[in-house]
Protein backbone atom coordinates (compact mmCIF):
# COMPACT_ATOMS: atom_id res chain seq x y z
CA MET A 1 0.00 0.00 0.00
CA ASN A 2 1.24 3.50 -0.85
CA ASN A 3 1.37 6.03 2.02
CA ASN A 4 1.95 9.09 -0.22
CA HIS A 5 -1.60 10.43 -0.60
CA TYR A 6 -1.90 13.87 -2.22
CA ASN A 7 -4.67 16.39 -1.71
CA ASN A 8 -4.76 18.11 -5.11
CA SER A 9 -7.21 20.81 -4.04
CA LEU A 10 -4.70 22.23 -1.54
CA GLY A 11 -1.51 21.33 -3.38
CA ILE A 12 -0.06 19.80 -0.21
CA GLY A 13 1.47 16.35 -0.09
CA VAL A 14 0.47 14.33 2.94
CA GLY A 15 3.52 12.05 2.70
CA ASN A 16 7.17 13.10 2.78
CA SER A 17 7.02 15.40 -0.25
CA ILE A 18 5.36 18.82 -0.55
CA THR A 19 4.43 20.21 -3.94
CA SER A 20 5.10 23.88 -4.60
CA TYR A 21 3.75 26.09 -7.33
CA PRO A 22 5.98 28.98 -8.38
CA LEU A 23 4.25 32.26 -9.14
CA THR A 24 4.06 33.38 -12.74
CA LEU A 25 4.97 36.88 -13.86
CA GLU A 26 1.29 37.82 -14.15
CA GLN A 27 0.63 36.69 -10.58
CA LYS A 28 3.64 38.58 -9.25
CA THR A 29 2.49 41.71 -11.10
CA ALA A 30 -1.03 41.33 -9.71
CA PHE A 31 0.27 40.93 -6.15
CA ALA A 32 2.50 43.98 -6.55
CA PHE A 33 -0.42 46.03 -7.90
CA VAL A 34 -2.70 44.95 -5.05
CA GLY A 35 0.07 45.80 -2.57
CA ILE A 36 0.43 49.30 -4.04
CA LEU A 37 -3.37 49.72 -3.83
CA PHE A 38 -3.32 48.71 -0.15
CA ILE A 39 -0.55 51.22 0.59
CA PHE A 40 -2.52 53.95 -1.23
CA LEU A 41 -5.68 52.99 0.70
CA GLY A 42 -3.77 53.17 3.99
CA LEU A 43 -2.47 56.64 3.16
CA LEU A 44 -5.98 57.83 2.28
CA ILE A 45 -7.37 56.43 5.53
CA VAL A 46 -4.66 58.21 7.54
CA ARG A 47 -5.36 61.48 5.70
CA CYS A 48 -9.11 61.19 6.28
CA PHE A 49 -8.63 60.57 10.00
CA ARG A 50 -6.31 63.59 10.24
CA ILE A 51 -8.94 65.76 8.57
CA LEU A 52 -11.65 64.39 10.86
CA LEU A 53 -9.58 65.08 13.98
CA ASP A 54 -8.57 68.63 12.97
CA PRO A 55 -10.78 69.85 10.10
CA TYR A 56 -9.86 73.55 10.27
CA SER A 57 -6.13 73.07 9.75
CA SER A 58 -6.65 71.86 6.17
CA MET A 59 -8.82 74.82 5.13
CA PRO A 60 -7.10 77.76 3.39
CA SER A 61 -7.17 81.04 5.26
CA SER A 62 -7.82 83.18 2.17
CA THR A 63 -11.14 83.63 0.38
CA TRP A 64 -12.04 83.96 -3.30
CA ALA A 65 -12.47 87.74 -2.96
CA ASP A 66 -8.92 88.46 -1.71
CA GLY A 67 -7.56 88.91 -5.23
CA MET A 68 -10.13 91.51 -6.34
CA ASP A 69 -8.47 94.90 -6.78
CA GLY A 70 -10.60 98.00 -6.35
CA LEU A 71 -13.86 96.13 -5.96
CA GLU A 72 -15.82 95.70 -2.80
CA LYS A 73 -16.94 92.26 -1.77
CA GLY A 74 -20.37 91.50 -3.22
CA THR A 75 -20.23 94.04 -6.07
CA PHE A 76 -19.21 91.60 -8.79
CA GLU A 77 -22.48 92.10 -10.68
CA TYR A 78 -21.86 95.83 -11.03
CA ALA A 79 -18.35 95.24 -12.36
CA LEU A 80 -19.75 93.33 -15.33
CA ALA A 81 -21.95 96.25 -16.52
């Protein structure tokens, strides 16, 4: 009787030998891409938590009307005529 029984669904040999499947180039590329996506997701999560903890530090201190020369705030309609 042969004691080397293989479970092909897991790719693991039950006897003394273990089968290994090397990764192809496409699989390595996919794993690298997924890893980069996880790093990007982690950075976005950290940025969102920083904004949630201190929302006013990320807002600019200037307004849209700071660059208007010679015009009062709210008189943009009169400047067009």
